[in-house]
């Protein structure tokens, strides 16, 4: 019998962090999941760590690519091997809070959302909470998403029964953003859960740390994947440039409109992920999104 949720985890030289990521999935209060890890030919101990975890937990599946192919190929390979109704994403250096799947599934079922995301918190390379919570809007449509994405990859989840299997375009960076655009174009809106459900690790090796490169690939998404006319692409890129610092947990100057500062800075105990999340309440949209789940 297929699991309810398939968790998609690409990995490349992630030995330092991937154990924490796997344990955060195993600590979920909702247990009907599979974790599909695809290794992009790591040269460190990533494969050994995941193989050992898979031997202890039958819900973990591991696949190793035969040649270095990039994050998009790794994620797509995992999605093609996934069997769950819902597709969720977690990178090998990030973590979930224990109630992530339970809360988000309840939110999607109550609102009949085909695509959802949530607030999340930044932590440093050692897992210490920085005090920054990246909040999210109640919803985002295609036009809004073109002007900048509030969707953290570690919080995104879509319903395959409504959307079908939607794969990422084969670009080196911003492939997740291109996927969100593709899904929202199909279902109308993505809906945001105000509860903080993930921990985004900021460290020097994270692919998103190079802002100029991210900007280059954002432009590539506009012109080559979405095929926006030049005037509209320029308009959207101007919005992206203005909005990115408001959403980026790596930016040192985040205004309070987007970031909630926690009073206590706590360290993440990766061996026992039972800490409560930020005290946000989920906000239920008054209207059902396009692409409803049949009752």
Protein backbone atom coordinates (compact mmCIF):
# COMPACT_ATOMS: atom_id res chain seq x y z
CA UNK A 1 0.00 0.00 0.00
CA UNK A 2 1.37 3.41 -0.98
CA UNK A 3 2.22 5.94 1.73
CA UNK A 4 0.31 9.20 2.05
CA UNK A 5 3.40 11.40 1.66
CA UNK A 6 6.59 10.97 -0.32
CA UNK A 7 9.46 13.11 0.98
CA UNK A 8 11.91 14.13 -1.74
CA UNK A 9 15.52 14.62 -0.59
CA UNK A 10 18.42 15.27 -2.99
CA UNK A 11 21.90 14.93 -1.53
CA UNK A 12 25.41 15.89 -2.52
CA UNK A 13 28.33 15.74 -0.07
CA UNK A 14 25.82 16.19 2.75
CA UNK A 15 27.42 13.90 5.34
CA UNK A 16 27.67 16.70 7.91
CA UNK A 17 23.93 17.46 7.91
CA UNK A 18 21.91 14.66 6.33
CA UNK A 19 21.60 12.64 9.53
CA UNK A 20 19.79 15.57 11.15
CA UNK A 21 17.48 15.89 8.13
CA UNK A 22 16.59 12.19 8.16
CA UNK A 23 15.96 12.17 11.91
CA UNK A 24 13.64 15.17 11.57
CA UNK A 25 11.51 13.13 9.13
CA UNK A 26 11.56 10.10 11.41
CA UNK A 27 10.42 12.32 14.31
CA UNK A 28 7.20 13.31 12.52
CA UNK A 29 3.97 12.88 14.47
CA UNK A 30 2.43 11.68 11.20
CA UNK A 31 4.12 8.41 10.30
CA UNK A 32 2.64 7.34 6.95
CA UNK A 33 5.47 8.57 4.74
CA UNK A 34 8.33 7.38 2.60
CA UNK A 35 11.63 9.22 2.32
CA UNK A 36 13.23 8.99 -1.12
CA UNK A 37 16.88 10.07 -1.01
CA UNK A 38 18.80 10.46 -4.27
CA UNK A 39 22.56 10.96 -4.00
CA UNK A 40 24.21 12.98 -6.75
CA UNK A 41 27.49 11.02 -6.65
CA UNK A 42 28.78 12.36 -3.34
CA UNK A 43 32.47 11.90 -2.53
CA UNK A 44 31.98 11.93 1.25
CA UNK A 45 30.10 9.55 3.58
CA UNK A 46 26.60 10.61 2.46
CA UNK A 47 25.81 7.24 0.84
CA UNK A 48 26.98 5.27 3.87
CA UNK A 49 24.89 7.37 6.26
CA UNK A 50 21.72 7.04 4.18
CA UNK A 51 22.27 3.34 3.52
CA UNK A 52 22.60 2.69 7.26
CA UNK A 53 19.43 4.68 7.95
CA UNK A 54 17.53 2.77 5.24
CA UNK A 55 18.61 -0.56 6.73
CA UNK A 56 17.10 0.47 10.06
CA UNK A 57 13.93 2.06 8.67
CA UNK A 58 12.05 0.48 5.77
CA UNK A 59 10.33 3.76 4.95
CA UNK A 60 13.62 5.15 3.62
CA UNK A 61 14.56 4.43 0.01
CA UNK A 62 18.00 5.27 -1.37
CA UNK A 63 19.16 5.67 -4.96
CA UNK A 64 22.54 6.82 -6.25
CA UNK A 65 22.96 8.51 -9.62
CA UNK A 66 25.70 7.15 -11.85
CA UNK A 67 27.09 10.58 -12.77
CA UNK A 68 27.00 14.09 -11.33
CA UNK A 69 23.74 15.58 -12.61
CA UNK A 70 22.61 18.40 -10.31
CA UNK A 71 19.77 19.03 -7.92
CA UNK A 72 16.99 19.09 -10.52
CA UNK A 73 17.84 15.63 -11.83
CA UNK A 74 18.21 14.29 -8.28
CA UNK A 75 14.80 15.67 -7.24
CA UNK A 76 13.12 14.50 -10.43
CA UNK A 77 14.56 11.02 -10.02
CA UNK A 78 13.20 10.91 -6.49
CA UNK A 79 9.76 12.14 -7.62
CA UNK A 80 9.64 9.54 -10.39
CA UNK A 81 10.34 6.84 -7.81
CA UNK A 82 7.87 8.21 -5.26
CA UNK A 83 4.57 6.41 -4.65
CA UNK A 84 2.76 8.76 -2.24
CA UNK A 85 -0.21 10.99 -3.01
CA UNK A 86 1.46 14.10 -1.60
CA UNK A 87 4.93 15.21 -2.66
CA UNK A 88 6.93 17.12 -0.01
CA UNK A 89 10.46 18.46 -0.24
CA UNK A 90 13.33 18.56 2.24
CA UNK A 91 16.93 19.31 1.35
CA UNK A 92 19.66 17.30 3.06
CA UNK A 93 20.87 20.26 5.14
CA UNK A 94 17.45 21.41 6.41
CA UNK A 95 15.06 20.00 9.03
CA UNK A 96 11.38 19.74 9.81
CA UNK A 97 9.68 20.32 13.12
CA UNK A 98 7.86 17.20 14.36
CA UNK A 99 4.31 18.35 13.54
CA UNK A 100 5.14 19.47 9.99
CA UNK A 101 3.40 16.75 8.02
CA UNK A 102 0.44 16.38 10.37
CA UNK A 103 -0.30 20.11 10.44
CA UNK A 104 0.21 20.68 6.73
CA UNK A 105 -1.89 17.70 5.66
CA UNK A 106 -4.72 18.84 7.93
CA UNK A 107 -4.45 22.33 6.44
CA UNK A 108 -4.57 21.03 2.87
CA UNK A 109 -7.50 18.74 3.54
CA UNK A 110 -9.50 21.42 5.34
CA UNK A 111 -8.90 24.04 2.65
CA UNK A 112 -8.83 21.55 -0.23
CA UNK A 113 -5.56 23.08 -1.34
CA UNK A 114 -3.63 21.31 -4.07
CA UNK A 115 -0.38 23.14 -3.24
CA UNK A 116 0.70 24.59 0.10
CA UNK A 117 3.69 25.96 1.98
CA UNK A 118 4.38 27.29 5.47
CA UNK A 119 6.44 29.65 7.58
CA UNK A 120 9.90 28.46 8.61
CA UNK A 121 12.80 29.52 10.80
CA UNK A 122 16.47 30.08 10.00
CA UNK A 123 19.21 28.25 11.89
CA UNK A 124 22.97 28.56 11.57
CA UNK A 125 25.38 25.86 10.40
CA UNK A 126 25.44 24.30 13.86
CA UNK A 127 21.67 24.21 14.16
CA UNK A 128 21.34 27.19 16.48
CA UNK A 129 18.16 29.17 15.89
CA UNK A 130 18.90 32.66 14.67
CA UNK A 131 15.62 34.10 15.92
CA UNK A 132 14.33 34.80 12.40
CA UNK A 133 11.03 33.32 11.30
CA UNK A 134 10.18 33.75 7.64
CA UNK A 135 6.44 34.38 7.55
CA UNK A 136 4.23 33.69 4.56
CA UNK A 137 1.14 35.20 2.90
CA UNK A 138 -2.24 33.49 3.03
CA UNK A 139 -1.94 32.67 -0.67
CA UNK A 140 -0.01 33.49 -3.81
CA UNK A 141 -1.15 33.36 -7.44
CA UNK A 142 0.89 33.17 -10.62
CA UNK A 143 1.25 36.92 -11.14
CA UNK A 144 2.34 37.41 -7.52
CA UNK A 145 4.75 34.49 -7.69
CA UNK A 146 6.45 35.97 -10.73
CA UNK A 147 7.38 39.01 -8.61
CA UNK A 148 9.16 36.85 -6.02
CA UNK A 149 8.62 33.57 -4.24
CA UNK A 150 7.60 33.32 -0.57
CA UNK A 151 7.71 29.51 -0.84
CA UNK A 152 10.55 27.84 1.05
CA UNK A 153 11.42 24.54 -0.64
CA UNK A 154 11.54 22.73 2.71
CA UNK A 155 7.88 23.62 3.33
CA UNK A 156 6.35 23.01 -0.12
CA UNK A 157 3.90 20.15 -0.66
CA UNK A 158 1.63 19.37 -3.60
CA UNK A 159 -1.17 16.86 -4.19
CA UNK A 160 -0.30 14.52 -7.02
CA UNK A 161 -3.92 13.40 -7.42
CA UNK A 162 -4.81 16.96 -8.44
CA UNK A 163 -1.58 18.16 -10.09
CA UNK A 164 -0.24 14.94 -11.50
CA UNK A 165 3.50 14.32 -11.35
CA UNK A 166 5.11 17.73 -11.94
CA UNK A 167 8.87 17.67 -12.47
CA UNK A 168 11.48 20.40 -12.18
CA UNK A 169 13.10 21.96 -15.25
CA UNK A 170 16.73 20.96 -15.74
CA UNK A 171 18.52 24.14 -14.68
CA UNK A 172 21.28 24.35 -12.08
CA UNK A 173 19.55 26.80 -9.73
CA UNK A 174 16.04 28.13 -9.12
CA UNK A 175 14.53 24.87 -10.42
CA UNK A 176 12.30 24.83 -7.34
CA UNK A 177 10.98 28.31 -8.17
CA UNK A 178 10.27 27.19 -11.74
CA UNK A 179 8.35 24.20 -10.36
CA UNK A 180 6.23 26.41 -8.11
CA UNK A 181 5.36 28.59 -11.11
CA UNK A 182 4.39 25.53 -13.13
CA UNK A 183 2.12 24.17 -10.40
CA UNK A 184 0.48 27.53 -9.60
CA UNK A 185 -0.15 28.14 -13.28
CA UNK A 186 -2.03 24.84 -13.25
CA UNK A 187 -4.04 25.09 -9.99
CA UNK A 188 -4.45 28.85 -9.59
CA UNK A 189 -2.94 29.48 -6.16
CA UNK A 190 -0.60 28.13 -3.51
CA UNK A 191 -1.84 28.51 0.06
CA UNK A 192 0.31 29.51 3.00
CA UNK A 193 0.13 28.00 6.47
CA UNK A 194 1.17 30.55 9.08
CA UNK A 195 2.58 27.93 11.46
CA UNK A 196 6.38 27.61 11.51
CA UNK A 197 7.13 24.03 10.42
CA UNK A 198 10.71 23.95 9.15
CA UNK A 199 14.28 24.87 9.99
CA UNK A 200 16.31 26.31 7.13
CA UNK A 201 20.06 25.94 7.65
CA UNK A 202 22.15 28.93 6.53
CA UNK A 203 25.77 27.99 5.85
CA UNK A 204 28.54 28.83 3.43
CA UNK A 205 28.02 25.72 1.33
CA UNK A 206 24.32 26.25 0.66
CA UNK A 207 23.61 26.63 -3.05
CA UNK A 208 21.33 29.62 -2.51
CA UNK A 209 24.09 31.65 -0.80
CA UNK A 210 25.31 33.16 -4.10
CA UNK A 211 22.79 35.95 -4.68
CA UNK A 212 24.18 37.08 -8.04
CA UNK A 213 23.98 33.56 -9.42
CA UNK A 214 20.43 33.20 -8.08
CA UNK A 215 19.48 36.42 -9.83
CA UNK A 216 20.96 35.11 -13.10
CA UNK A 217 18.91 31.93 -12.89
CA UNK A 218 15.78 33.86 -11.92
CA UNK A 219 16.13 35.79 -15.17
CA UNK A 220 16.62 32.46 -16.97
CA UNK A 221 13.33 31.21 -15.48
CA UNK A 222 11.51 34.32 -16.70
CA UNK A 223 12.84 34.32 -20.24
CA UNK A 224 13.63 30.70 -21.09
CA UNK A 225 11.18 28.67 -19.05
CA UNK A 226 8.18 30.97 -18.56
CA UNK A 227 8.94 32.74 -21.86
CA UNK A 228 7.85 36.11 -20.57
CA UNK A 229 8.02 39.04 -23.02
CA UNK A 230 11.01 41.27 -22.28
CA UNK A 231 8.97 44.16 -20.74
CA UNK A 232 7.14 41.84 -18.37
CA UNK A 233 10.34 39.99 -17.49
CA UNK A 234 12.03 43.29 -16.63
CA UNK A 235 9.04 44.34 -14.52
CA UNK A 236 9.01 41.04 -12.61
CA UNK A 237 12.78 41.07 -12.15
CA UNK A 238 12.62 44.56 -10.66
CA UNK A 239 10.05 43.30 -8.15
CA UNK A 240 12.20 40.23 -7.45
CA UNK A 241 15.25 42.43 -6.75
CA UNK A 242 13.26 44.59 -4.34
CA UNK A 243 11.48 41.73 -2.58
CA UNK A 244 14.30 39.19 -2.25
CA UNK A 245 15.95 40.82 0.81
CA UNK A 246 12.57 40.78 2.55
CA UNK A 247 12.32 37.01 2.18
CA UNK A 248 15.91 35.77 2.24
CA UNK A 249 16.89 34.31 5.65
CA UNK A 250 20.55 34.86 4.75
CA UNK A 251 20.12 38.61 4.43
CA UNK A 252 21.35 40.71 7.35
CA UNK A 253 18.74 43.45 6.94
CA UNK A 254 15.31 41.85 7.16
CA UNK A 255 12.42 44.18 8.00
CA UNK A 256 9.80 43.18 10.57
CA UNK A 257 7.07 42.94 7.94
CA UNK A 258 8.49 39.60 6.82
CA UNK A 259 10.53 38.37 9.75
CA UNK A 260 9.35 37.67 13.26
CA UNK A 261 12.15 37.82 15.83
CA UNK A 262 11.94 35.20 18.55
CA UNK A 263 12.64 36.24 22.12
CA UNK A 264 14.62 33.11 22.82
CA UNK A 265 17.41 31.72 20.65
CA UNK A 266 17.45 27.98 21.13
CA UNK A 267 19.73 25.31 19.76
CA UNK A 268 18.22 22.45 17.76
CA UNK A 269 18.59 19.04 19.38
CA UNK A 270 18.85 16.92 16.25
CA UNK A 271 18.69 13.68 18.22
CA UNK A 272 15.35 14.56 19.79
CA UNK A 273 13.34 16.92 17.61
CA UNK A 274 10.44 17.43 20.00
CA UNK A 275 10.62 21.19 20.51
CA UNK A 276 7.41 23.13 19.98
CA UNK A 277 7.11 25.32 16.90
CA UNK A 278 6.49 29.03 16.90
CA UNK A 279 3.07 29.80 18.32
CA UNK A 280 1.39 30.61 15.01
CA UNK A 281 -2.18 29.64 14.26
CA UNK A 282 -3.05 28.42 10.81
CA UNK A 283 -5.22 30.76 8.80
CA UNK A 284 -7.88 29.09 6.71
CA UNK A 285 -8.60 30.84 3.39
CA UNK A 286 -12.21 31.86 2.92
CA UNK A 287 -12.26 30.61 -0.67
CA UNK A 288 -11.29 27.23 -2.04
CA UNK A 289 -8.38 27.25 -4.46
CA UNK A 290 -8.55 26.22 -8.06
CA UNK A 291 -7.73 22.53 -8.36
CA UNK A 292 -9.85 21.23 -5.50
CA UNK A 293 -9.53 17.79 -4.07
CA UNK A 294 -12.73 15.90 -4.76
CA UNK A 295 -14.81 15.36 -1.65
